[in-house]
Amino acid sequence: MVAGLLLFVPLHYCWRFLHLSSPWPRLFLAWAGYCSGARVERIGIPLKRDVFYISNHCSWIDILAIAGASGTAFVAKAELRKAPVVGWLSSLNRTVFVSREDRLGVAEQINRLREALAENWSVTVFPEGTTTDGRSLLPFKSPLLKVLEPPPAGVLVQPVLLDYGEVGPDIGWIGDEHGKDNALRVLARPGTFPLRITFLDPFDPREFPGRKAIAAESMRRIRDALAATLGHDVPTFIGHDVWAGRTPPRPGEDLL
């Protein structure tokens, strides 16, 4: 990874200095995912521009893999900006940092998201709001999908399924595990592991008016694809400490 940094980062800044579109963050993130042990298999065709990817979320490796496969920018928690190295690398890829607690700043965050979509051609969000074990899903939340109310002209939504297979629960960053501990544990695993990225059929968000309907349709498509992979219905994730510090949702409660 260090060798990749020494090669790709100077090239990135050279491209930026010349006002050229830089491919180097995408190539570095793909390389970092490979060094982490992920052997990515891409299924389906990712749209290259004017697309809003909506994906399930298992690990920090998700970002490396999806960026490497598509060149997308991301929406990430504001805390990531302060993380050593990772925060800086995320900024190279033009990550949009948002704070879920900043209720008064939602409009500004949505404006930044619109600008990122216009400039980067594609943006990825993880609407579950946290990571799971890859064998289950959490309800999709929709506040950040407000950028699609109304959808920018020509923009489509493309759901994405990330599947780590049987190693998902081991790779997943879940419970009260510290991020650094998870990274060290994953990097210390012997051998490699599969990661299948399935770019599902895109849909026009205008056919599902409102962010809640868009979130629900995206979740339905990802859930159906995951169920086909598992061979059974997809359970709701109830992993350790997922609801730490807040009240778990009641059955039927609106989390969108």
Protein backbone atom coordinates (compact mmCIF):
# COMPACT_ATOMS: atom_id res chain seq x y z
CA MET A 1 0.00 0.00 0.00
CA VAL A 2 2.86 2.37 0.85
CA ALA A 3 4.46 1.65 -2.51
CA GLY A 4 1.15 2.45 -4.17
CA LEU A 5 0.91 5.74 -2.31
CA LEU A 6 4.41 6.75 -3.36
CA LEU A 7 3.50 6.05 -6.98
CA PHE A 8 -0.12 7.14 -7.32
CA VAL A 9 -0.34 10.26 -5.14
CA PRO A 10 2.34 12.31 -6.99
CA LEU A 11 0.74 11.29 -10.29
CA HIS A 12 -2.64 12.40 -8.97
CA TYR A 13 -1.39 15.86 -8.06
CA CYS A 14 0.34 16.18 -11.46
CA TRP A 15 -2.98 15.43 -13.17
CA ARG A 16 -4.77 17.93 -10.94
CA PHE A 17 -2.13 20.59 -11.62
CA LEU A 18 -2.74 20.12 -15.34
CA HIS A 19 -6.53 20.31 -14.73
CA LEU A 20 -6.98 16.78 -16.02
CA SER A 21 -9.42 14.21 -14.69
CA SER A 22 -7.28 12.03 -12.43
CA PRO A 23 -7.68 8.22 -12.60
CA TRP A 24 -5.12 7.68 -9.85
CA PRO A 25 -7.37 7.70 -6.73
CA ARG A 26 -9.50 4.99 -8.34
CA LEU A 27 -6.44 2.92 -9.26
CA PHE A 28 -4.92 3.32 -5.81
CA LEU A 29 -8.12 2.32 -4.02
CA ALA A 30 -8.40 -0.78 -6.24
CA TRP A 31 -4.76 -1.60 -5.44
CA ALA A 32 -5.33 -1.09 -1.70
CA GLY A 33 -8.31 -3.46 -1.81
CA TYR A 34 -6.17 -6.06 -3.56
CA CYS A 35 -3.42 -5.66 -0.94
CA SER A 36 -6.07 -6.13 1.76
CA GLY A 37 -6.83 -9.57 0.38
CA ALA A 38 -10.02 -8.83 -1.57
CA ARG A 39 -10.34 -10.60 -4.89
CA VAL A 40 -13.09 -8.65 -6.55
CA GLU A 41 -15.48 -10.15 -9.07
CA ARG A 42 -17.63 -7.59 -10.84
CA ILE A 43 -21.03 -8.67 -12.11
CA GLY A 44 -23.19 -6.38 -14.19
CA ILE A 45 -22.29 -3.08 -15.79
CA PRO A 46 -21.86 0.04 -13.64
CA LEU A 47 -23.19 3.19 -15.27
CA LYS A 48 -20.32 5.56 -15.90
CA ARG A 49 -22.02 8.87 -15.25
CA ASP A 50 -25.18 10.52 -13.97
CA VAL A 51 -25.73 7.69 -11.51
CA PHE A 52 -26.48 7.42 -7.82
CA TYR A 53 -25.26 4.07 -6.48
CA ILE A 54 -27.09 2.71 -3.41
CA SER A 55 -25.34 -0.22 -1.71
CA ASN A 56 -25.44 -2.45 1.33
CA HIS A 57 -22.48 -1.99 3.67
CA CYS A 58 -20.21 -4.53 5.37
CA SER A 59 -16.67 -3.16 5.72
CA TRP A 60 -14.28 -0.32 4.97
CA ILE A 61 -13.13 -2.56 2.11
CA ASP A 62 -16.47 -1.79 0.41
CA ILE A 63 -15.16 1.68 -0.41
CA LEU A 64 -11.92 0.39 -1.91
CA ALA A 65 -13.73 -2.18 -4.02
CA ILE A 66 -16.61 -0.06 -5.35
CA ALA A 67 -14.30 2.87 -6.12
CA GLY A 68 -11.91 0.55 -7.91
CA ALA A 69 -14.73 -0.95 -9.94
CA SER A 70 -16.52 2.28 -10.85
CA GLY A 71 -14.52 5.38 -9.90
CA THR A 72 -17.38 6.69 -7.78
CA ALA A 73 -17.18 9.28 -5.04
CA PHE A 74 -18.75 8.52 -1.65
CA VAL A 75 -20.80 9.93 1.16
CA ALA A 76 -19.09 9.23 4.50
CA LYS A 77 -19.50 10.09 8.15
CA ALA A 78 -17.86 13.35 9.19
CA GLU A 79 -15.70 11.46 11.71
CA LEU A 80 -13.83 9.79 8.86
CA ARG A 81 -12.36 13.13 7.79
CA LYS A 82 -10.32 13.21 11.04
CA ALA A 83 -9.01 9.67 10.73
CA PRO A 84 -5.25 9.50 10.09
CA VAL A 85 -4.36 8.74 6.45
CA VAL A 86 -7.84 7.37 5.69
CA GLY A 87 -9.41 10.83 5.98
CA TRP A 88 -6.83 12.32 3.64
CA LEU A 89 -7.22 9.48 1.14
CA SER A 90 -10.98 9.93 1.24
CA SER A 91 -10.61 13.61 0.42
CA LEU A 92 -8.49 12.71 -2.64
CA ASN A 93 -11.50 10.78 -3.92
CA ARG A 94 -13.71 13.83 -3.28
CA THR A 95 -15.69 12.19 -0.51
CA VAL A 96 -18.68 14.17 0.77
CA PHE A 97 -18.46 14.19 4.56
CA VAL A 98 -21.76 14.50 6.42
CA SER A 99 -22.81 14.59 10.05
CA ARG A 100 -25.95 12.67 10.95
CA GLU A 101 -26.24 14.71 14.14
CA ASP A 102 -26.17 18.09 12.36
CA ARG A 103 -29.89 18.46 11.83
CA LEU A 104 -29.57 22.17 11.03
CA GLY A 105 -26.94 21.54 8.37
CA VAL A 106 -28.90 19.02 6.30
CA ALA A 107 -29.62 21.54 3.52
CA GLU A 108 -25.93 22.42 3.19
CA GLN A 109 -24.99 18.74 3.13
CA ILE A 110 -27.52 18.06 0.40
CA ASN A 111 -26.14 20.95 -1.65
CA ARG A 112 -22.62 19.49 -1.33
CA LEU A 113 -23.98 16.14 -2.44
CA ARG A 114 -25.59 17.71 -5.51
CA GLU A 115 -22.29 19.39 -6.39
CA ALA A 116 -20.42 16.10 -5.98
CA LEU A 117 -22.89 14.31 -8.23
CA ALA A 118 -22.53 17.01 -10.89
CA GLU A 119 -18.72 17.02 -10.73
CA ASN A 120 -17.94 13.34 -10.20
CA TRP A 121 -20.70 11.85 -12.35
CA SER A 122 -21.37 9.16 -9.74
CA VAL A 123 -21.89 9.09 -5.98
CA THR A 124 -22.36 6.10 -3.65
CA VAL A 125 -24.32 6.05 -0.40
CA PHE A 126 -24.74 3.31 2.20
CA PRO A 127 -28.25 3.97 3.51
CA GLU A 128 -28.14 1.33 6.26
CA GLY A 129 -26.10 3.86 8.23
CA THR A 130 -23.71 1.23 9.61
CA THR A 131 -22.03 -2.02 8.64
CA THR A 132 -23.50 -5.52 8.90
CA ASP A 133 -22.31 -9.10 8.52
CA GLY A 134 -23.06 -9.29 4.80
CA ARG A 135 -25.65 -12.02 5.38
CA SER A 136 -28.46 -9.69 6.45
CA LEU A 137 -29.69 -6.13 5.98
CA LEU A 138 -30.79 -3.17 8.06
CA PRO A 139 -33.65 -0.88 6.99
CA PHE A 140 -32.51 1.73 4.49
CA LYS A 141 -32.65 5.29 5.78
CA SER A 142 -33.43 8.05 3.34
CA PRO A 143 -32.34 11.54 4.54
CA LEU A 144 -29.37 11.72 2.16
CA LEU A 145 -31.59 10.62 -0.70
CA LYS A 146 -33.31 13.97 -0.44
CA VAL A 147 -30.89 15.02 -3.18
CA LEU A 148 -33.20 13.00 -5.44
CA GLU A 149 -36.21 15.14 -4.54
CA PRO A 150 -36.60 15.96 -7.36
CA PRO A 151 -33.96 13.90 -9.19
CA PRO A 152 -31.38 15.92 -11.16
CA ALA A 153 -32.00 15.74 -14.90
CA GLY A 154 -30.86 12.45 -16.41
CA VAL A 155 -29.69 10.87 -13.14
CA LEU A 156 -30.51 7.19 -12.55
CA VAL A 157 -30.28 5.06 -9.41
CA GLN A 158 -28.31 1.82 -9.57
CA PRO A 159 -28.52 -0.56 -6.58
CA VAL A 160 -25.33 -2.46 -5.73
CA LEU A 161 -25.00 -5.74 -3.83
CA LEU A 162 -21.75 -6.47 -1.98
CA ASP A 163 -21.31 -10.15 -1.16
CA TYR A 164 -18.32 -11.51 0.77
CA GLY A 165 -19.76 -14.99 0.87
CA GLU A 166 -19.16 -17.08 3.97
CA VAL A 167 -16.37 -14.79 5.23
CA GLY A 168 -18.75 -11.84 5.52
CA PRO A 169 -19.25 -12.12 9.31
CA ASP A 170 -15.47 -12.27 9.79
CA ILE A 171 -14.68 -9.37 7.45
CA GLY A 172 -17.56 -7.20 8.64
CA TRP A 173 -16.85 -4.26 10.93
CA ILE A 174 -19.63 -4.78 13.42
CA GLY A 175 -20.35 -4.46 17.12
CA ASP A 176 -18.08 -2.38 19.33
CA GLU A 177 -14.86 -3.29 17.50
CA HIS A 178 -12.60 -0.27 17.02
CA GLY A 179 -11.89 0.65 13.42
CA LYS A 180 -8.14 0.26 13.82
CA ASP A 181 -8.60 -3.16 15.42
CA ASN A 182 -10.83 -4.27 12.57
CA ALA A 183 -8.33 -3.06 9.97
CA LEU A 184 -5.43 -4.84 11.66
CA ARG A 185 -7.47 -8.02 12.06
CA VAL A 186 -8.56 -8.07 8.43
CA LEU A 187 -5.07 -7.27 7.14
CA ALA A 188 -3.61 -10.03 9.32
CA ARG A 189 -5.90 -12.72 7.88
CA PRO A 190 -3.95 -15.33 5.91
CA GLY A 191 -4.75 -15.74 2.26
CA THR A 192 -7.39 -13.91 0.25
CA PHE A 193 -11.18 -13.68 0.26
CA PRO A 194 -13.80 -13.21 -2.46
CA LEU A 195 -15.87 -10.08 -2.90
CA ARG A 196 -18.59 -10.14 -5.51
CA ILE A 197 -19.90 -6.72 -6.55
CA THR A 198 -23.18 -6.96 -8.42
CA PHE A 199 -24.34 -3.83 -10.20
CA LEU A 200 -28.08 -4.42 -10.48
CA ASP A 201 -30.33 -2.95 -13.14
CA PRO A 202 -30.68 0.82 -12.73
CA PHE A 203 -34.04 2.50 -12.39
CA ASP A 204 -35.41 5.97 -12.96
CA PRO A 205 -36.08 7.62 -9.58
CA ARG A 206 -38.89 9.62 -11.18
CA GLU A 207 -40.90 6.40 -11.24
CA PHE A 208 -40.67 6.20 -7.44
CA PRO A 209 -41.49 9.73 -6.26
CA GLY A 210 -39.89 10.71 -2.96
CA ARG A 211 -36.79 9.59 -1.13
CA LYS A 212 -38.61 6.98 0.96
CA ALA A 213 -39.94 5.25 -2.14
CA ILE A 214 -36.48 5.32 -3.75
CA ALA A 215 -34.90 3.85 -0.60
CA ALA A 216 -37.58 1.15 -0.40
CA GLU A 217 -37.18 0.15 -4.05
CA SER A 218 -33.39 0.02 -3.73
CA MET A 219 -33.62 -2.14 -0.63
CA ARG A 220 -36.12 -4.47 -2.31
CA ARG A 221 -33.81 -5.06 -5.26
CA ILE A 222 -30.73 -5.61 -3.09
CA ARG A 223 -32.67 -7.89 -0.72
CA ASP A 224 -33.99 -9.99 -3.62
CA ALA A 225 -30.49 -10.34 -5.08
CA LEU A 226 -29.02 -11.30 -1.70
CA ALA A 227 -31.84 -13.79 -1.08
CA ALA A 228 -31.08 -15.44 -4.42
CA THR A 229 -27.44 -15.76 -3.35
CA LEU A 230 -28.25 -17.10 0.13
CA GLY A 231 -31.02 -19.40 -1.02
CA HIS A 232 -33.39 -18.12 1.67
CA ASP A 233 -35.07 -14.94 2.91
CA VAL A 234 -32.77 -12.18 4.12
CA PRO A 235 -33.01 -11.57 7.88
CA THR A 236 -32.78 -8.18 9.57
CA PHE A 237 -29.36 -7.65 11.10
CA ILE A 238 -29.42 -7.74 14.91
CA GLY A 239 -25.69 -7.88 15.55
CA HIS A 240 -24.04 -6.96 18.81
CA ASP A 241 -24.26 -3.29 19.79
CA VAL A 242 -25.90 -2.19 16.53
CA TRP A 243 -28.46 -0.23 18.55
CA ALA A 244 -26.07 0.79 21.33
CA GLY A 245 -27.01 4.15 22.80
CA ARG A 246 -30.41 4.39 21.15
CA THR A 247 -33.73 2.64 21.23
CA PRO A 248 -34.17 -0.27 18.79
CA PRO A 249 -36.96 0.27 16.26
CA ARG A 250 -40.39 -1.10 17.02
CA PRO A 251 -41.91 -3.43 14.44
CA GLY A 252 -43.28 -1.33 11.62
CA GLU A 253 -41.56 1.85 12.78
CA ASP A 254 -40.61 4.19 9.93
CA LEU A 255 -36.81 4.29 9.66
CA LEU A 256 -36.84 5.85 6.21
